[in-house]
Amino acid sequence: MQTMPVDQMPDTENLHDPKPDIEVNTEMVNSRIKAALTQLSENQRSVFVLRHFHDLSIREVAEVTEMQPGTVKTHMHRALQRLQVLLKPYKIES
């Protein structure tokens, strides 16, 4: 299975801000996301990065990581759950 070290992950600064009226410190957001990603297991981080930063489909992620698509979905689900908990303190209420 191929994995990706956190320091080689793409920058998150190009992520779309759904609320343009809210000014966000991009550097701070990038830092918090990267810190949260380091708290994921290697499999969860790899699947998440390939899917959300490299825009690969579940099938493509499965091929790259040599996992079954169901396993990719499980790692993705667990990664999203963990990130939600880790990033909750930084959530901006509307």
PDB file of N, CA and C in Angstrom:
ATOM      1  N   MET A   1       0.829  -1.178   0.000  1.00  0.00           N
ATOM      2  CA  MET A   1       0.000   0.000   0.000  1.00  0.00           C
ATOM      3  C   MET A   1       0.873   1.240   0.000  1.00  0.00           C
ATOM      4  N   GLN A   2       0.515   2.220  -0.811  1.00  0.00           N
ATOM      5  CA  GLN A   2       1.250   3.476  -0.822  1.00  0.00           C
ATOM      6  C   GLN A   2       0.650   4.414   0.213  1.00  0.00           C
ATOM      7  N   THR A   3       1.514   5.092   0.949  1.00  0.00           N
ATOM      8  CA  THR A   3       1.049   6.080   1.909  1.00  0.00           C
ATOM      9  C   THR A   3       1.713   7.405   1.606  1.00  0.00           C
ATOM     10  N   MET A   4       1.250   8.463   2.254  1.00  0.00           N
ATOM     11  CA  MET A   4       1.776   9.791   2.001  1.00  0.00           C
ATOM     12  C   MET A   4       2.111  10.455   3.327  1.00  0.00           C
ATOM     13  N   PRO A   5       3.383  10.825   3.522  1.00  0.00           N
ATOM     14  CA  PRO A   5       3.736  11.547   4.743  1.00  0.00           C
ATOM     15  C   PRO A   5       3.013  12.892   4.782  1.00  0.00           C
ATOM     16  N   VAL A   6       2.702  13.340   5.983  1.00  0.00           N
ATOM     17  CA  VAL A   6       1.972  14.590   6.151  1.00  0.00           C
ATOM     18  C   VAL A   6       2.694  15.754   5.497  1.00  0.00           C
ATOM     19  N   ASP A   7       4.026  15.789   5.581  1.00  0.00           N
ATOM     20  CA  ASP A   7       4.758  16.921   5.017  1.00  0.00           C
ATOM     21  C   ASP A   7       4.745  16.948   3.489  1.00  0.00           C
ATOM     22  N   GLN A   8       4.243  15.889   2.849  1.00  0.00           N
ATOM     23  CA  GLN A   8       4.160  15.861   1.398  1.00  0.00           C
ATOM     24  C   GLN A   8       2.729  16.056   0.899  1.00  0.00           C
ATOM     25  N   MET A   9       1.807  16.332   1.809  1.00  0.00           N
ATOM     26  CA  MET A   9       0.428  16.539   1.421  1.00  0.00           C
ATOM     27  C   MET A   9       0.282  17.894   0.743  1.00  0.00           C
ATOM     28  N   PRO A  10      -0.665  18.007  -0.172  1.00  0.00           N
ATOM     29  CA  PRO A  10      -0.882  19.287  -0.844  1.00  0.00           C
ATOM     30  C   PRO A  10      -1.381  20.330   0.147  1.00  0.00           C
ATOM     31  N   ASP A  11      -1.129  21.603  -0.173  1.00  0.00           N
ATOM     32  CA  ASP A  11      -1.632  22.681   0.666  1.00  0.00           C
ATOM     33  C   ASP A  11      -3.148  22.698   0.604  1.00  0.00           C
ATOM     34  N   THR A  12      -3.745  23.110   1.700  1.00  0.00           N
ATOM     35  CA  THR A  12      -5.201  23.184   1.765  1.00  0.00           C
ATOM     36  C   THR A  12      -5.706  24.572   1.439  1.00  0.00           C
ATOM     37  N   GLU A  13      -4.825  25.480   1.062  1.00  0.00           N
ATOM     38  CA  GLU A  13      -5.237  26.862   0.846  1.00  0.00           C
ATOM     39  C   GLU A  13      -6.187  27.045  -0.330  1.00  0.00           C
ATOM     40  N   ASN A  14      -6.268  26.080  -1.199  1.00  0.00           N
ATOM     41  CA  ASN A  14      -7.165  26.211  -2.343  1.00  0.00           C
ATOM     42  C   ASN A  14      -8.549  25.636  -2.091  1.00  0.00           C
ATOM     43  N   LEU A  15      -8.812  25.200  -0.865  1.00  0.00           N
ATOM     44  CA  LEU A  15     -10.137  24.690  -0.544  1.00  0.00           C
ATOM     45  C   LEU A  15     -11.143  25.826  -0.639  1.00  0.00           C
ATOM     46  N   HIS A  16     -12.313  25.521  -1.139  1.00  0.00           N
ATOM     47  CA  HIS A  16     -13.351  26.529  -1.342  1.00  0.00           C
ATOM     48  C   HIS A  16     -13.956  26.925   0.010  1.00  0.00           C
ATOM     49  N   ASP A  17     -14.025  28.217   0.270  1.00  0.00           N
ATOM     50  CA  ASP A  17     -14.676  28.735   1.475  1.00  0.00           C
ATOM     51  C   ASP A  17     -16.144  28.958   1.150  1.00  0.00           C
ATOM     52  N   PRO A  18     -17.049  28.171   1.754  1.00  0.00           N
ATOM     53  CA  PRO A  18     -18.463  28.287   1.421  1.00  0.00           C
ATOM     54  C   PRO A  18     -19.097  29.587   1.929  1.00  0.00           C
ATOM     55  N   LYS A  19     -18.413  30.326   2.804  1.00  0.00           N
ATOM     56  CA  LYS A  19     -18.951  31.572   3.342  1.00  0.00           C
ATOM     57  C   LYS A  19     -17.949  32.692   3.095  1.00  0.00           C
ATOM     58  N   PRO A  20     -17.979  33.293   1.907  1.00  0.00           N
ATOM     59  CA  PRO A  20     -16.967  34.298   1.583  1.00  0.00           C
ATOM     60  C   PRO A  20     -17.029  35.534   2.475  1.00  0.00           C
ATOM     61  N   ASP A  21     -18.145  35.744   3.163  1.00  0.00           N
ATOM     62  CA  ASP A  21     -18.253  36.913   4.024  1.00  0.00           C
ATOM     63  C   ASP A  21     -17.485  36.738   5.335  1.00  0.00           C
ATOM     64  N   ILE A  22     -17.040  35.525   5.624  1.00  0.00           N
ATOM     65  CA  ILE A  22     -16.267  35.261   6.831  1.00  0.00           C
ATOM     66  C   ILE A  22     -14.792  35.232   6.465  1.00  0.00           C
ATOM     67  N   GLU A  23     -14.026  36.121   7.065  1.00  0.00           N
ATOM     68  CA  GLU A  23     -12.596  36.179   6.786  1.00  0.00           C
ATOM     69  C   GLU A  23     -11.902  35.054   7.563  1.00  0.00           C
ATOM     70  N   VAL A  24     -11.109  34.273   6.869  1.00  0.00           N
ATOM     71  CA  VAL A  24     -10.443  33.131   7.483  1.00  0.00           C
ATOM     72  C   VAL A  24      -8.941  33.277   7.301  1.00  0.00           C
ATOM     73  N   ASN A  25      -8.218  33.018   8.353  1.00  0.00           N
ATOM     74  CA  ASN A  25      -6.769  33.021   8.273  1.00  0.00           C
ATOM     75  C   ASN A  25      -6.345  31.686   7.657  1.00  0.00           C
ATOM     76  N   THR A  26      -6.002  31.712   6.382  1.00  0.00           N
ATOM     77  CA  THR A  26      -5.691  30.498   5.637  1.00  0.00           C
ATOM     78  C   THR A  26      -4.555  29.712   6.265  1.00  0.00           C
ATOM     79  N   GLU A  27      -3.542  30.389   6.704  1.00  0.00           N
ATOM     80  CA  GLU A  27      -2.405  29.705   7.313  1.00  0.00           C
ATOM     81  C   GLU A  27      -2.829  28.953   8.564  1.00  0.00           C
ATOM     82  N   MET A  28      -3.683  29.560   9.369  1.00  0.00           N
ATOM     83  CA  MET A  28      -4.162  28.924  10.589  1.00  0.00           C
ATOM     84  C   MET A  28      -5.022  27.701  10.255  1.00  0.00           C
ATOM     85  N   VAL A  29      -5.884  27.837   9.260  1.00  0.00           N
ATOM     86  CA  VAL A  29      -6.740  26.729   8.837  1.00  0.00           C
ATOM     87  C   VAL A  29      -5.878  25.580   8.320  1.00  0.00           C
ATOM     88  N   ASN A  30      -4.908  25.884   7.461  1.00  0.00           N
ATOM     89  CA  ASN A  30      -4.006  24.853   6.937  1.00  0.00           C
ATOM     90  C   ASN A  30      -3.310  24.117   8.068  1.00  0.00           C
ATOM     91  N   SER A  31      -2.827  24.871   9.027  1.00  0.00           N
ATOM     92  CA  SER A  31      -2.105  24.293  10.155  1.00  0.00           C
ATOM     93  C   SER A  31      -2.998  23.349  10.959  1.00  0.00           C
ATOM     94  N   ARG A  32      -4.214  23.760  11.203  1.00  0.00           N
ATOM     95  CA  ARG A  32      -5.144  22.930  11.991  1.00  0.00           C
ATOM     96  C   ARG A  32      -5.548  21.666  11.247  1.00  0.00           C
ATOM     97  N   ILE A  33      -5.758  21.797   9.949  1.00  0.00           N
ATOM     98  CA  ILE A  33      -6.115  20.615   9.158  1.00  0.00           C
ATOM     99  C   ILE A  33      -4.952  19.634   9.115  1.00  0.00           C
ATOM    100  N   LYS A  34      -3.753  20.127   8.846  1.00  0.00           N
ATOM    101  CA  LYS A  34      -2.586  19.242   8.805  1.00  0.00           C
ATOM    102  C   LYS A  34      -2.345  18.589  10.156  1.00  0.00           C
ATOM    103  N   ALA A  35      -2.529  19.333  11.236  1.00  0.00           N
ATOM    104  CA  ALA A  35      -2.358  18.760  12.579  1.00  0.00           C
ATOM    105  C   ALA A  35      -3.398  17.660  12.811  1.00  0.00           C
ATOM    106  N   ALA A  36      -4.622  17.892  12.395  1.00  0.00           N
ATOM    107  CA  ALA A  36      -5.668  16.880  12.565  1.00  0.00           C
ATOM    108  C   ALA A  36      -5.369  15.648  11.723  1.00  0.00           C
ATOM    109  N   LEU A  37      -4.865  15.850  10.510  1.00  0.00           N
ATOM    110  CA  LEU A  37      -4.536  14.711   9.648  1.00  0.00           C
ATOM    111  C   LEU A  37      -3.445  13.833  10.254  1.00  0.00           C
ATOM    112  N   THR A  38      -2.549  14.428  11.017  1.00  0.00           N
ATOM    113  CA  THR A  38      -1.495  13.624  11.644  1.00  0.00           C
ATOM    114  C   THR A  38      -2.052  12.702  12.722  1.00  0.00           C
ATOM    115  N   GLN A  39      -3.261  12.993  13.189  1.00  0.00           N
ATOM    116  CA  GLN A  39      -3.889  12.175  14.228  1.00  0.00           C
ATOM    117  C   GLN A  39      -4.634  10.971  13.669  1.00  0.00           C
ATOM    118  N   LEU A  40      -4.724  10.894  12.358  1.00  0.00           N
ATOM    119  CA  LEU A  40      -5.379   9.754  11.713  1.00  0.00           C
ATOM    120  C   LEU A  40      -4.392   8.608  11.566  1.00  0.00           C
ATOM    121  N   SER A  41      -4.923   7.409  11.421  1.00  0.00           N
ATOM    122  CA  SER A  41      -4.047   6.276  11.118  1.00  0.00           C
ATOM    123  C   SER A  41      -3.476   6.496   9.718  1.00  0.00           C
ATOM    124  N   GLU A  42      -2.426   5.794   9.405  1.00  0.00           N
ATOM    125  CA  GLU A  42      -1.798   5.929   8.091  1.00  0.00           C
ATOM    126  C   GLU A  42      -2.796   5.610   6.965  1.00  0.00           C
ATOM    127  N   ASN A  43      -3.570   4.546   7.148  1.00  0.00           N
ATOM    128  CA  ASN A  43      -4.558   4.167   6.130  1.00  0.00           C
ATOM    129  C   ASN A  43      -5.635   5.232   5.982  1.00  0.00           C
ATOM    130  N   GLN A  44      -6.136   5.732   7.097  1.00  0.00           N
ATOM    131  CA  GLN A  44      -7.175   6.758   7.048  1.00  0.00           C
ATOM    132  C   GLN A  44      -6.658   8.016   6.361  1.00  0.00           C
ATOM    133  N   ARG A  45      -5.459   8.439   6.730  1.00  0.00           N
ATOM    134  CA  ARG A  45      -4.868   9.648   6.144  1.00  0.00           C
ATOM    135  C   ARG A  45      -4.656   9.484   4.641  1.00  0.00           C
ATOM    136  N   SER A  46      -4.100   8.358   4.227  1.00  0.00           N
ATOM    137  CA  SER A  46      -3.844   8.119   2.802  1.00  0.00           C
ATOM    138  C   SER A  46      -5.131   8.144   1.996  1.00  0.00           C
ATOM    139  N   VAL A  47      -6.142   7.449   2.476  1.00  0.00           N
ATOM    140  CA  VAL A  47      -7.426   7.385   1.777  1.00  0.00           C
ATOM    141  C   VAL A  47      -8.049   8.787   1.711  1.00  0.00           C
ATOM    142  N   PHE A  48      -8.034   9.506   2.816  1.00  0.00           N
ATOM    143  CA  PHE A  48      -8.618  10.847   2.852  1.00  0.00           C
ATOM    144  C   PHE A  48      -7.906  11.793   1.888  1.00  0.00           C
ATOM    145  N   VAL A  49      -6.591  11.792   1.921  1.00  0.00           N
ATOM    146  CA  VAL A  49      -5.813  12.700   1.064  1.00  0.00           C
ATOM    147  C   VAL A  49      -6.021  12.362  -0.409  1.00  0.00           C
ATOM    148  N   LEU A  50      -5.972  11.100  -0.756  1.00  0.00           N
ATOM    149  CA  LEU A  50      -6.169  10.716  -2.153  1.00  0.00           C
ATOM    150  C   LEU A  50      -7.565  11.097  -2.646  1.00  0.00           C
ATOM    151  N   ARG A  51      -8.543  10.900  -1.793  1.00  0.00           N
ATOM    152  CA  ARG A  51      -9.934  11.181  -2.184  1.00  0.00           C
ATOM    153  C   ARG A  51     -10.219  12.679  -2.249  1.00  0.00           C
ATOM    154  N   HIS A  52      -9.803  13.422  -1.230  1.00  0.00           N
ATOM    155  CA  HIS A  52     -10.226  14.820  -1.122  1.00  0.00           C
ATOM    156  C   HIS A  52      -9.215  15.846  -1.630  1.00  0.00           C
ATOM    157  N   PHE A  53      -7.950  15.505  -1.669  1.00  0.00           N
ATOM    158  CA  PHE A  53      -6.949  16.449  -2.166  1.00  0.00           C
ATOM    159  C   PHE A  53      -6.535  16.139  -3.599  1.00  0.00           C
ATOM    160  N   HIS A  54      -6.647  14.869  -3.982  1.00  0.00           N
ATOM    161  CA  HIS A  54      -6.267  14.469  -5.334  1.00  0.00           C
ATOM    162  C   HIS A  54      -7.484  14.105  -6.182  1.00  0.00           C
ATOM    163  N   ASP A  55      -8.670  14.227  -5.597  1.00  0.00           N
ATOM    164  CA  ASP A  55      -9.937  14.007  -6.310  1.00  0.00           C
ATOM    165  C   ASP A  55     -10.049  12.637  -6.980  1.00  0.00           C
ATOM    166  N   LEU A  56      -9.503  11.612  -6.343  1.00  0.00           N
ATOM    167  CA  LEU A  56      -9.640  10.267  -6.890  1.00  0.00           C
ATOM    168  C   LEU A  56     -10.981   9.672  -6.455  1.00  0.00           C
ATOM    169  N   SER A  57     -11.532   8.822  -7.290  1.00  0.00           N
ATOM    170  CA  SER A  57     -12.763   8.111  -6.927  1.00  0.00           C
ATOM    171  C   SER A  57     -12.414   7.011  -5.920  1.00  0.00           C
ATOM    172  N   ILE A  58     -13.430   6.452  -5.316  1.00  0.00           N
ATOM    173  CA  ILE A  58     -13.218   5.340  -4.378  1.00  0.00           C
ATOM    174  C   ILE A  58     -12.499   4.198  -5.099  1.00  0.00           C
ATOM    175  N   ARG A  59     -12.919   3.906  -6.309  1.00  0.00           N
ATOM    176  CA  ARG A  59     -12.290   2.833  -7.092  1.00  0.00           C
ATOM    177  C   ARG A  59     -10.811   3.143  -7.346  1.00  0.00           C
ATOM    178  N   GLU A  60     -10.500   4.391  -7.702  1.00  0.00           N
ATOM    179  CA  GLU A  60      -9.108   4.782  -7.949  1.00  0.00           C
ATOM    180  C   GLU A  60      -8.271   4.716  -6.679  1.00  0.00           C
ATOM    181  N   VAL A  61      -8.852   5.159  -5.570  1.00  0.00           N
ATOM    182  CA  VAL A  61      -8.142   5.069  -4.286  1.00  0.00           C
ATOM    183  C   VAL A  61      -7.860   3.607  -3.962  1.00  0.00           C
ATOM    184  N   ALA A  62      -8.823   2.754  -4.210  1.00  0.00           N
ATOM    185  CA  ALA A  62      -8.653   1.321  -3.963  1.00  0.00           C
ATOM    186  C   ALA A  62      -7.508   0.758  -4.803  1.00  0.00           C
ATOM    187  N   GLU A  63      -7.424   1.160  -6.040  1.00  0.00           N
ATOM    188  CA  GLU A  63      -6.345   0.681  -6.909  1.00  0.00           C
ATOM    189  C   GLU A  63      -4.984   1.162  -6.426  1.00  0.00           C
ATOM    190  N   VAL A  64      -4.888   2.444  -6.082  1.00  0.00           N
ATOM    191  CA  VAL A  64      -3.614   3.027  -5.648  1.00  0.00           C
ATOM    192  C   VAL A  64      -3.139   2.397  -4.340  1.00  0.00           C
ATOM    193  N   THR A  65      -4.069   2.189  -3.426  1.00  0.00           N
ATOM    194  CA  THR A  65      -3.699   1.680  -2.099  1.00  0.00           C
ATOM    195  C   THR A  65      -3.713   0.153  -2.019  1.00  0.00           C
ATOM    196  N   GLU A  66      -4.192  -0.472  -3.095  1.00  0.00           N
ATOM    197  CA  GLU A  66      -4.304  -1.930  -3.139  1.00  0.00           C
ATOM    198  C   GLU A  66      -5.235  -2.450  -2.043  1.00  0.00           C
ATOM    199  N   MET A  67      -6.326  -1.708  -1.829  1.00  0.00           N
ATOM    200  CA  MET A  67      -7.366  -2.107  -0.872  1.00  0.00           C
ATOM    201  C   MET A  67      -8.638  -2.411  -1.654  1.00  0.00           C
ATOM    202  N   GLN A  68      -9.532  -3.119  -1.018  1.00  0.00           N
ATOM    203  CA  GLN A  68     -10.854  -3.330  -1.586  1.00  0.00           C
ATOM    204  C   GLN A  68     -11.650  -2.026  -1.442  1.00  0.00           C
ATOM    205  N   PRO A  69     -12.552  -1.725  -2.383  1.00  0.00           N
ATOM    206  CA  PRO A  69     -13.351  -0.505  -2.275  1.00  0.00           C
ATOM    207  C   PRO A  69     -14.098  -0.389  -0.945  1.00  0.00           C
ATOM    208  N   GLY A  70     -14.597  -1.488  -0.430  1.00  0.00           N
ATOM    209  CA  GLY A  70     -15.291  -1.466   0.868  1.00  0.00           C
ATOM    210  C   GLY A  70     -14.362  -1.059   2.000  1.00  0.00           C
ATOM    211  N   THR A  71     -13.117  -1.493   1.926  1.00  0.00           N
ATOM    212  CA  THR A  71     -12.123  -1.129   2.936  1.00  0.00           C
ATOM    213  C   THR A  71     -11.798   0.356   2.835  1.00  0.00           C
ATOM    214  N   VAL A  72     -11.701   0.860   1.614  1.00  0.00           N
ATOM    215  CA  VAL A  72     -11.462   2.289   1.404  1.00  0.00           C
ATOM    216  C   VAL A  72     -12.605   3.089   2.031  1.00  0.00           C
ATOM    217  N   LYS A  73     -13.836   2.666   1.793  1.00  0.00           N
ATOM    218  CA  LYS A  73     -14.995   3.367   2.350  1.00  0.00           C
ATOM    219  C   LYS A  73     -14.969   3.352   3.878  1.00  0.00           C
ATOM    220  N   THR A  74     -14.572   2.228   4.454  1.00  0.00           N
ATOM    221  CA  THR A  74     -14.488   2.132   5.912  1.00  0.00           C
ATOM    222  C   THR A  74     -13.442   3.090   6.454  1.00  0.00           C
ATOM    223  N   HIS A  75     -12.259   3.111   5.843  1.00  0.00           N
ATOM    224  CA  HIS A  75     -11.209   4.035   6.290  1.00  0.00           C
ATOM    225  C   HIS A  75     -11.649   5.490   6.109  1.00  0.00           C
ATOM    226  N   MET A  76     -12.357   5.776   5.015  1.00  0.00           N
ATOM    227  CA  MET A  76     -12.834   7.132   4.763  1.00  0.00           C
ATOM    228  C   MET A  76     -13.839   7.540   5.833  1.00  0.00           C
ATOM    229  N   HIS A  77     -14.756   6.659   6.126  1.00  0.00           N
ATOM    230  CA  HIS A  77     -15.774   6.957   7.137  1.00  0.00           C
ATOM    231  C   HIS A  77     -15.128   7.236   8.493  1.00  0.00           C
ATOM    232  N   ARG A  78     -14.205   6.392   8.877  1.00  0.00           N
ATOM    233  CA  ARG A  78     -13.521   6.572  10.172  1.00  0.00           C
ATOM    234  C   ARG A  78     -12.675   7.846  10.187  1.00  0.00           C
ATOM    235  N   ALA A  79     -12.044   8.160   9.057  1.00  0.00           N
ATOM    236  CA  ALA A  79     -11.254   9.388   8.966  1.00  0.00           C
ATOM    237  C   ALA A  79     -12.154  10.608   9.126  1.00  0.00           C
ATOM    238  N   LEU A  80     -13.287  10.604   8.456  1.00  0.00           N
ATOM    239  CA  LEU A  80     -14.211  11.732   8.553  1.00  0.00           C
ATOM    240  C   LEU A  80     -14.764  11.894   9.964  1.00  0.00           C
ATOM    241  N   GLN A  81     -15.074  10.773  10.608  1.00  0.00           N
ATOM    242  CA  GLN A  81     -15.551  10.834  11.992  1.00  0.00           C
ATOM    243  C   GLN A  81     -14.481  11.440  12.904  1.00  0.00           C
ATOM    244  N   ARG A  82     -13.264  10.976  12.748  1.00  0.00           N
ATOM    245  CA  ARG A  82     -12.161  11.450  13.599  1.00  0.00           C
ATOM    246  C   ARG A  82     -11.870  12.928  13.335  1.00  0.00           C
ATOM    247  N   LEU A  83     -11.837  13.332  12.078  1.00  0.00           N
ATOM    248  CA  LEU A  83     -11.584  14.738  11.745  1.00  0.00           C
ATOM    249  C   LEU A  83     -12.684  15.642  12.289  1.00  0.00           C
ATOM    250  N   GLN A  84     -13.900  15.158  12.245  1.00  0.00           N
ATOM    251  CA  GLN A  84     -15.017  15.945  12.781  1.00  0.00           C
ATOM    252  C   GLN A  84     -14.818  16.216  14.272  1.00  0.00           C
ATOM    253  N   VAL A  85     -14.376  15.214  15.007  1.00  0.00           N
ATOM    254  CA  VAL A  85     -14.114  15.382  16.434  1.00  0.00           C
ATOM    255  C   VAL A  85     -12.917  16.307  16.660  1.00  0.00           C
ATOM    256  N   LEU A  86     -11.845  16.084  15.910  1.00  0.00           N
ATOM    257  CA  LEU A  86     -10.623  16.875  16.092  1.00  0.00           C
ATOM    258  C   LEU A  86     -10.798  18.348  15.715  1.00  0.00           C
ATOM    259  N   LEU A  87     -11.623  18.615  14.712  1.00  0.00           N
ATOM    260  CA  LEU A  87     -11.782  19.988  14.232  1.00  0.00           C
ATOM    261  C   LEU A  87     -13.004  20.698  14.819  1.00  0.00           C
ATOM    262  N   LYS A  88     -13.799  19.993  15.603  1.00  0.00           N
ATOM    263  CA  LYS A  88     -15.006  20.579  16.187  1.00  0.00           C
ATOM    264  C   LYS A  88     -14.721  21.859  16.990  1.00  0.00           C
ATOM    265  N   PRO A  89     -13.647  21.926  17.781  1.00  0.00           N
ATOM    266  CA  PRO A  89     -13.392  23.166  18.537  1.00  0.00           C
ATOM    267  C   PRO A  89     -13.202  24.391  17.647  1.00  0.00           C
ATOM    268  N   TYR A  90     -12.917  24.199  16.384  1.00  0.00           N
ATOM    269  CA  TYR A  90     -12.649  25.314  15.473  1.00  0.00           C
ATOM    270  C   TYR A  90     -13.842  25.637  14.570  1.00  0.00           C
ATOM    271  N   LYS A  91     -14.939  24.942  14.770  1.00  0.00           N
ATOM    272  CA  LYS A  91     -16.117  25.139  13.925  1.00  0.00           C
ATOM    273  C   LYS A  91     -16.652  26.557  14.106  1.00  0.00           C
ATOM    274  N   ILE A  92     -16.968  27.162  12.973  1.00  0.00           N
ATOM    275  CA  ILE A  92     -17.542  28.504  12.981  1.00  0.00           C
ATOM    276  C   ILE A  92     -19.056  28.341  12.916  1.00  0.00           C
ATOM    277  N   GLU A  93     -19.730  28.832  13.926  1.00  0.00           N
ATOM    278  CA  GLU A  93     -21.195  28.750  13.963  1.00  0.00           C
ATOM    279  C   GLU A  93     -21.777  29.858  13.095  1.00  0.00           C
ATOM    280  N   SER A  94     -22.831  29.520  12.358  1.00  0.00           N
ATOM    281  CA  SER A  94     -23.449  30.548  11.501  1.00  0.00           C
ATOM    282  C   SER A  94     -24.646  31.166  12.164  1.00  0.00           C
TER     283      SER A  94
END
